[in-house]
Protein backbone atom coordinates (compact mmCIF):
# COMPACT_ATOMS: atom_id res chain seq x y z
CA MET A 1 36.20 -120.38 108.17
CA PRO A 2 36.13 -120.39 111.83
CA HIS A 3 38.94 -122.89 112.05
CA SER A 4 41.14 -120.13 110.25
CA TRP A 5 40.77 -117.97 113.14
CA LEU A 6 42.71 -120.09 115.88
CA ALA A 7 45.66 -118.88 117.21
CA GLN A 8 48.68 -121.10 116.33
CA ARG A 9 49.49 -121.68 120.00
CA THR A 10 46.10 -123.99 119.97
CA SER A 11 47.69 -126.54 117.55
CA GLU A 12 50.65 -127.10 119.96
CA PHE A 13 48.63 -129.28 122.35
CA ASP A 14 46.20 -131.42 122.87
CA SER A 15 43.21 -132.06 125.62
CA SER A 16 45.03 -133.49 128.68
CA GLY A 17 45.13 -137.20 128.41
CA ILE A 18 44.25 -137.01 131.94
CA ARG A 19 41.00 -135.61 131.26
CA LYS A 20 40.32 -138.26 128.69
CA VAL A 21 40.56 -141.02 131.25
CA PHE A 22 38.55 -139.02 133.59
CA ASP A 23 35.87 -138.55 130.56
CA LEU A 24 36.01 -142.50 130.21
CA ALA A 25 35.63 -142.90 134.00
CA ALA A 26 32.16 -141.21 133.79
CA LYS A 27 31.16 -143.83 131.52
CA MET A 28 32.40 -146.98 132.93
CA THR A 29 30.18 -148.95 135.66
CA ASP A 30 31.60 -149.36 138.69
CA PRO A 31 35.55 -148.59 137.83
CA ILE A 32 38.51 -148.95 139.89
CA ASN A 33 39.62 -145.57 139.70
CA LEU A 34 43.32 -144.97 140.59
CA SER A 35 43.84 -141.98 138.03
CA ILE A 36 42.46 -139.18 140.04
CA GLY A 37 44.82 -136.81 141.35
CA GLN A 38 42.79 -135.38 144.02
CA PRO A 39 42.38 -136.34 147.68
CA ASP A 40 39.73 -138.51 148.49
CA PHE A 41 38.85 -137.27 151.73
CA ALA A 42 36.01 -135.03 152.99
CA VAL A 43 36.71 -131.31 153.30
CA PRO A 44 37.13 -130.80 156.95
CA ASP A 45 33.86 -129.41 158.65
CA ALA A 46 35.57 -126.21 160.15
CA ILE A 47 36.80 -125.26 156.56
CA LYS A 48 33.21 -125.76 155.18
CA ALA A 49 31.45 -123.89 157.51
CA ALA A 50 33.83 -120.84 157.11
CA ALA A 51 33.01 -120.94 153.51
CA ILE A 52 29.73 -120.88 153.99
CA ASP A 53 29.71 -118.23 156.72
CA ALA A 54 31.58 -115.83 154.27
CA ILE A 55 28.84 -116.63 151.20
CA GLN A 56 26.07 -115.74 153.90
CA ASN A 57 27.77 -112.66 154.99
CA ASP A 58 28.04 -111.43 151.58
CA LYS A 59 31.58 -111.93 151.06
CA ASN A 60 31.02 -112.31 147.30
CA GLY A 61 32.32 -109.61 145.70
CA TYR A 62 35.88 -108.75 144.42
CA SER A 63 38.52 -109.16 146.99
CA VAL A 64 41.84 -106.84 146.13
CA THR A 65 44.15 -108.99 144.11
CA GLN A 66 46.89 -109.69 146.07
CA GLY A 67 44.21 -111.50 148.52
CA ILE A 68 42.34 -110.48 151.79
CA PRO A 69 44.58 -108.75 154.16
CA GLU A 70 43.75 -111.40 156.85
CA LEU A 71 44.80 -114.57 154.68
CA GLN A 72 47.69 -112.64 153.14
CA GLN A 73 49.07 -111.43 156.62
CA ALA A 74 48.56 -115.33 157.90
CA LEU A 75 50.68 -116.82 154.67
CA GLN A 76 53.08 -114.08 155.01
CA ALA A 77 53.91 -114.99 158.78
CA ARG A 78 54.27 -118.51 157.78
CA VAL A 79 56.74 -117.59 155.14
CA ASP A 80 58.65 -115.20 157.25
CA ALA A 81 58.81 -117.68 160.33
CA GLN A 82 60.22 -120.21 157.65
CA TYR A 83 62.88 -118.14 155.70
CA GLY A 84 63.36 -115.27 157.41
CA HIS A 85 64.08 -113.56 154.00
CA ALA A 86 64.03 -109.59 153.95
CA ASP A 87 62.37 -109.29 150.64
CA ARG A 88 60.14 -112.24 150.21
CA ARG A 89 56.32 -111.65 149.38
CA VAL A 90 53.22 -113.41 149.28
CA LEU A 91 50.22 -113.15 146.38
CA VAL A 92 47.11 -115.24 146.92
CA THR A 93 46.19 -116.59 143.42
CA SER A 94 43.32 -118.26 141.52
CA GLY A 95 44.40 -121.99 142.10
CA THR A 96 48.20 -123.50 141.67
CA SER A 97 47.51 -123.47 138.21
CA GLY A 98 46.95 -119.85 137.78
CA ALA A 99 49.84 -118.90 140.02
CA LEU A 100 52.23 -121.19 137.36
CA VAL A 101 50.53 -119.08 134.45
CA LEU A 102 51.08 -115.70 136.25
CA ALA A 103 54.88 -116.86 136.84
CA MET A 104 55.38 -118.03 133.01
CA LEU A 105 53.79 -114.90 131.67
CA THR A 106 55.85 -112.89 134.25
CA LEU A 107 59.24 -114.55 133.43
CA VAL A 108 59.43 -116.34 130.38
CA ASP A 109 59.60 -114.66 126.68
CA PRO A 110 59.21 -116.28 123.37
CA GLY A 111 62.45 -118.43 122.49
CA ASP A 112 63.65 -118.47 126.18
CA GLU A 113 64.21 -122.04 127.40
CA VAL A 114 62.59 -123.64 130.56
CA ILE A 115 64.46 -126.61 132.35
CA CYS A 116 62.00 -129.33 133.39
CA PHE A 117 62.36 -133.06 134.76
CA ASP A 118 61.15 -135.98 132.72
CA PRO A 119 58.35 -137.10 133.99
CA TYR A 120 57.00 -133.91 134.53
CA PHE A 121 53.57 -133.11 135.20
CA VAL A 122 51.41 -132.57 132.39
CA MET A 123 50.78 -128.64 132.39
CA TYR A 124 54.23 -127.85 132.32
CA PRO A 125 55.22 -128.28 128.73
CA ALA A 126 52.06 -126.69 127.95
CA LEU A 127 52.24 -123.54 129.72
CA VAL A 128 55.83 -122.85 128.61
CA GLY A 129 54.60 -123.29 124.90
CA MET A 130 51.59 -120.77 125.48
CA VAL A 131 54.02 -118.26 126.37
CA GLY A 132 56.23 -119.06 123.18
CA GLY A 133 59.05 -120.51 125.45
CA ARG A 134 61.03 -124.20 125.08
CA CYS A 135 60.83 -127.05 127.49
CA VAL A 136 64.27 -128.66 127.85
CA MET A 137 64.02 -131.77 129.23
CA VAL A 138 66.35 -133.62 131.48
CA ASP A 139 65.70 -137.10 131.94
CA THR A 140 65.71 -138.86 135.56
CA TYR A 141 64.86 -142.07 134.95
CA PRO A 142 65.39 -144.60 136.44
CA ASP A 143 65.00 -143.97 139.81
CA PHE A 144 63.36 -140.23 139.08
CA ARG A 145 66.48 -138.51 140.67
CA ILE A 146 67.93 -135.32 140.12
CA ASP A 147 71.49 -135.55 138.20
CA ILE A 148 72.91 -131.76 138.94
CA GLU A 149 75.66 -132.54 136.21
CA LYS A 150 73.07 -132.91 133.87
CA VAL A 151 71.05 -129.94 134.48
CA ALA A 152 74.23 -127.79 134.50
CA ALA A 153 75.03 -129.66 130.95
CA ALA A 154 71.40 -128.18 129.62
CA ILE A 155 72.11 -124.77 130.21
CA THR A 156 72.74 -122.55 127.49
CA PRO A 157 72.65 -118.59 127.02
CA ARG A 158 68.96 -118.97 126.34
CA THR A 159 68.06 -120.64 129.46
CA LYS A 160 65.47 -118.55 131.71
CA MET A 161 64.00 -120.78 134.38
CA ILE A 162 64.62 -124.14 135.86
CA LEU A 163 61.25 -125.81 137.21
CA LEU A 164 61.29 -128.23 140.21
CA ASN A 165 58.39 -129.90 141.42
CA SER A 166 59.10 -131.73 144.65
CA PRO A 167 56.88 -133.86 146.07
CA ALA A 168 56.65 -134.68 142.23
CA ASN A 169 53.52 -135.56 140.04
CA PRO A 170 53.66 -138.29 138.40
CA THR A 171 56.42 -140.18 140.38
CA GLY A 172 55.83 -139.13 143.84
CA THR A 173 59.25 -138.97 144.43
CA VAL A 174 60.77 -136.20 147.03
CA ALA A 175 63.82 -134.38 145.98
CA THR A 176 66.82 -134.87 148.77
CA PRO A 177 68.10 -131.94 150.47
CA GLU A 178 71.36 -132.29 148.42
CA GLU A 179 69.84 -132.28 145.44
CA VAL A 180 67.51 -128.98 146.27
CA GLU A 181 70.52 -127.29 147.76
CA ALA A 182 72.78 -127.91 144.64
CA LEU A 183 69.65 -126.90 142.15
CA ALA A 184 69.19 -123.67 143.92
CA LEU A 185 73.00 -123.16 144.03
CA LEU A 186 73.47 -123.74 140.17
CA ALA A 187 70.42 -121.58 139.59
CA LYS A 188 71.94 -118.68 141.68
CA GLU A 189 75.25 -118.90 139.93
CA HIS A 190 73.91 -119.00 136.66
CA ASN A 191 71.23 -116.27 137.31
CA ILE A 192 68.30 -118.33 136.19
CA ALA A 193 65.00 -118.27 137.78
CA LEU A 194 64.09 -121.06 139.80
CA LEU A 195 60.45 -121.84 140.18
CA SER A 196 59.73 -124.48 142.97
CA ASP A 197 56.20 -126.20 142.68
CA GLU A 198 55.16 -127.27 146.21
CA ILE A 199 51.44 -128.08 146.10
CA TYR A 200 52.54 -131.54 147.69
CA ARG A 201 54.74 -130.22 150.34
CA ASP A 202 52.35 -131.18 153.02
CA PHE A 203 52.33 -134.97 151.70
CA THR A 204 55.41 -135.92 152.48
CA TYR A 205 55.93 -139.59 154.50
CA ASP A 206 59.71 -140.38 155.13
CA THR A 207 61.60 -136.99 155.61
CA PRO A 208 60.64 -133.19 155.87
CA PRO A 209 60.52 -131.73 152.00
CA ALA A 210 63.53 -129.31 151.30
CA SER A 211 62.70 -126.13 149.51
CA PRO A 212 65.44 -124.42 147.36
CA ALA A 213 64.19 -120.81 148.73
CA THR A 214 66.29 -122.02 151.59
CA HIS A 215 69.51 -121.82 149.70
CA ASN A 216 68.58 -119.07 147.01
CA GLU A 217 66.42 -116.19 148.22
CA GLN A 218 65.56 -115.23 144.63
CA THR A 219 63.71 -118.69 144.40
CA ILE A 220 59.87 -118.48 143.77
CA VAL A 221 57.63 -120.79 145.23
CA VAL A 222 54.10 -121.94 144.39
CA ASP A 223 51.73 -123.38 147.02
CA GLY A 224 48.12 -123.88 147.54
CA PHE A 225 45.40 -125.32 149.47
CA SER A 226 44.00 -127.69 146.71
CA LYS A 227 45.43 -130.94 147.73
CA SER A 228 46.10 -130.53 151.48
CA TYR A 229 42.55 -129.69 152.40
CA GLY A 230 40.70 -131.35 149.36
CA VAL A 231 39.03 -128.36 147.92
CA THR A 232 40.43 -128.67 144.68
CA GLY A 233 37.45 -127.36 142.79
CA TRP A 234 38.18 -124.01 145.15
CA ARG A 235 40.88 -122.63 142.96
CA LEU A 236 42.93 -121.40 145.64
CA GLY A 237 46.66 -121.49 145.53
CA TRP A 238 49.34 -119.00 146.43
CA VAL A 239 53.00 -118.06 145.72
CA HIS A 240 55.60 -116.56 147.10
CA GLY A 241 58.85 -114.81 146.32
CA PRO A 242 60.96 -111.60 145.77
CA SER A 243 58.85 -108.45 145.84
CA ALA A 244 59.83 -107.28 142.20
CA ILE A 245 58.67 -110.80 141.05
CA ILE A 246 55.52 -110.58 143.02
CA ASP A 247 54.39 -107.31 141.97
CA LYS A 248 54.65 -108.25 138.11
CA LEU A 249 52.63 -111.25 139.05
CA THR A 250 49.78 -108.76 141.08
CA MET A 251 49.84 -106.81 137.84
CA LEU A 252 49.02 -109.41 135.50
CA GLN A 253 46.54 -111.17 137.99
CA GLN A 254 44.41 -107.82 137.81
CA TYR A 255 44.19 -108.57 133.75
CA THR A 256 43.58 -112.15 134.13
CA PHE A 257 42.05 -113.68 136.72
CA VAL A 258 41.25 -110.57 138.88
CA CYS A 259 41.48 -112.48 142.13
CA ALA A 260 41.22 -115.75 143.89
CA PRO A 261 37.66 -116.61 144.75
CA HIS A 262 36.52 -114.24 147.67
CA PRO A 263 34.51 -116.02 150.24
CA LEU A 264 36.69 -119.09 149.78
CA GLN A 265 39.91 -116.80 150.95
CA HIS A 266 38.20 -116.58 154.20
CA ALA A 267 37.93 -120.60 154.62
CA ALA A 268 41.23 -120.24 153.70
CA ILE A 269 42.11 -118.90 156.94
CA ALA A 270 40.54 -121.69 158.79
CA ALA A 271 42.23 -124.29 156.47
CA LEU A 272 45.37 -122.86 158.01
CA GLU A 273 44.35 -123.64 161.53
CA THR A 274 43.36 -127.60 160.78
CA ASP A 275 45.46 -130.15 161.44
CA ILE A 276 45.69 -132.49 158.33
CA SER A 277 48.30 -135.22 160.01
CA PRO A 278 45.63 -137.99 160.47
CA HIS A 279 44.95 -137.88 156.70
CA VAL A 280 48.51 -137.59 155.61
CA ALA A 281 49.52 -140.81 157.91
CA GLU A 282 46.56 -142.66 156.10
CA TYR A 283 47.66 -141.79 153.00
CA ARG A 284 51.54 -143.33 154.34
CA GLN A 285 49.49 -146.56 154.77
CA ARG A 286 48.09 -146.35 151.63
CA ARG A 287 51.46 -146.01 149.75
CA ASP A 288 52.88 -148.65 151.71
CA LEU A 289 50.15 -150.96 150.59
CA ILE A 290 50.54 -150.12 146.99
CA THR A 291 54.20 -150.14 146.68
CA THR A 292 54.55 -153.18 148.54
CA GLY A 293 51.94 -155.08 146.65
CA LEU A 294 53.33 -153.94 143.38
CA ARG A 295 56.64 -155.25 144.12
CA ASN A 296 55.60 -158.53 145.55
CA ALA A 297 53.71 -158.83 142.17
CA GLY A 298 57.28 -158.32 140.51
CA TYR A 299 56.75 -154.75 139.39
CA GLU A 300 59.63 -152.20 139.06
CA VAL A 301 58.86 -149.53 141.48
CA ALA A 302 61.18 -146.89 142.34
CA SER A 303 61.11 -145.11 145.61
CA THR A 304 58.43 -142.61 146.32
CA GLY A 305 58.09 -140.21 149.54
CA GLY A 306 55.31 -138.02 148.96
CA ALA A 307 52.14 -136.73 146.96
CA PHE A 308 50.01 -139.46 146.60
CA TYR A 309 51.42 -141.16 143.16
CA VAL A 310 53.52 -143.94 142.20
CA PHE A 311 55.09 -144.42 138.99
CA PRO A 312 55.73 -148.04 138.24
CA LYS A 313 57.50 -149.69 134.94
CA VAL A 314 55.37 -151.76 132.61
CA PRO A 315 56.27 -155.51 132.80
CA ASP A 316 58.65 -156.85 130.34
CA GLY A 317 56.76 -158.07 127.42
CA ALA A 318 53.51 -155.93 128.25
CA GLY A 319 54.25 -153.57 125.69
CA THR A 320 54.23 -149.85 126.00
CA GLY A 321 52.58 -147.70 128.67
CA THR A 322 49.81 -146.85 126.36
CA GLU A 323 49.28 -150.22 125.55
CA PHE A 324 49.50 -151.60 129.24
CA VAL A 325 47.14 -149.40 130.32
CA THR A 326 44.51 -150.31 127.71
CA GLN A 327 44.63 -153.68 128.94
CA ALA A 328 44.16 -152.63 132.63
CA ILE A 329 40.73 -150.30 131.25
CA GLU A 330 39.41 -153.66 129.79
CA ASN A 331 39.48 -154.96 133.28
CA GLN A 332 37.70 -152.16 134.82
CA LEU A 333 41.50 -150.55 136.12
CA LEU A 334 41.47 -146.77 135.36
CA ILE A 335 45.24 -145.92 135.32
CA ILE A 336 47.36 -142.92 133.45
CA PRO A 337 49.74 -144.05 130.80
CA GLY A 338 53.39 -142.62 131.28
CA ASN A 339 53.50 -140.79 128.25
CA ILE A 340 50.88 -138.35 129.04
CA PHE A 341 54.04 -137.14 131.45
CA SER A 342 56.88 -138.12 129.86
CA ARG A 343 58.58 -138.21 126.31
CA ARG A 344 58.82 -142.39 127.09
CA ASP A 345 56.02 -144.55 127.27
CA THR A 346 57.15 -147.03 129.71
CA HIS A 347 55.77 -146.50 132.66
CA PHE A 348 52.00 -145.76 134.20
CA ARG A 349 50.65 -143.57 136.84
CA ILE A 350 48.63 -144.86 140.08
CA SER A 351 47.02 -142.42 142.17
CA TYR A 352 46.53 -143.93 145.73
CA ALA A 353 43.98 -141.27 146.89
CA ALA A 354 41.57 -144.20 147.00
CA LYS A 355 39.74 -145.97 149.56
CA ILE A 356 41.66 -149.04 150.72
CA GLU A 357 39.38 -151.70 149.29
CA THR A 358 39.65 -149.71 145.67
CA LEU A 359 43.30 -150.04 145.94
CA LYS A 360 43.18 -154.00 146.79
CA ARG A 361 40.92 -154.07 143.74
CA GLY A 362 43.34 -152.40 141.51
CA LEU A 363 46.34 -154.50 142.69
CA GLU A 364 44.30 -157.66 142.04
CA VAL A 365 43.91 -156.42 138.28
CA LEU A 366 47.58 -155.60 138.08
CA LYS A 367 48.57 -158.73 139.71
CA LYS A 368 46.53 -160.57 136.90
CA ILE A 369 47.90 -158.57 133.99
CA GLY A 370 51.32 -157.98 135.29
CA PRO A 371 54.61 -159.70 135.61
CA GLN A 372 54.23 -163.31 134.25
């Protein structure tokens, strides 16, 4: 029977809960959709024009695995200017997710432990499980701050990696420079790989984002174009780290993704020259609107300084996150229950990558079903 052919790893996880909400949205008429974790602004014209030009000029075959030289050199120059490391190299990947997959395949063996922070991006436990590793969760509730003593206590002889995401999905929390430095030095002290997912680094609203690579030259940093330029469907990411690690990631990309989409790499060069600060400023205003509105309505909302998410606590007496989200959906509001991102089911995620009118409609529903 076909079901007997399935590998054991396929039983470790279900279809993404976020995808299920996306599917639900497609069936609803005029939903208030605050579930989607992607920018709602149009791709800047210069970037679209560069993509079209590359396609029309037949840049449609394979590129070299590590990325076209022009893009690689532009990214390398940025990395060199920021860090000044003698041994830090760049690889262009098939999306940020592709970079994460390659990193897990390269660094994590069956039985190895990976320290993650709860709440976490939904993909992290799945990817660790796919390669036979085990996620060790470090709780960050209620304010989603990193307690370095908790991290140190979670380290065992099997710890292979610490996974940091700042600005974070789903909380929008930005790790402080002190937290980042302490984590970087802890990983260095224990000779543990530190993987820093910085896909939202352009969306920070209060203070510049800190990277652990500043304090630990062995840090592997994952970044990408998807969120910053509204090209989530283009699958363009990049990763930088020590050359010995990047060499192995490059080799594995040859046997998996082959290369990032070739014509779109040419568009990425134009993206690097595009100013997105007006969009960031607009998202800052949306952050302020949604957090102020929620707090005025009586919701408990932790500080959120980046990405485009807020992760409020379910009001007392409103049940679990899943029950609360079910009630929201009954009122045409699409949000994501916290248990998609956490071992707890006490919160819910809002994406404010939506028009102001949509955010205001969402706030009205949340006032209606919120604290009484």
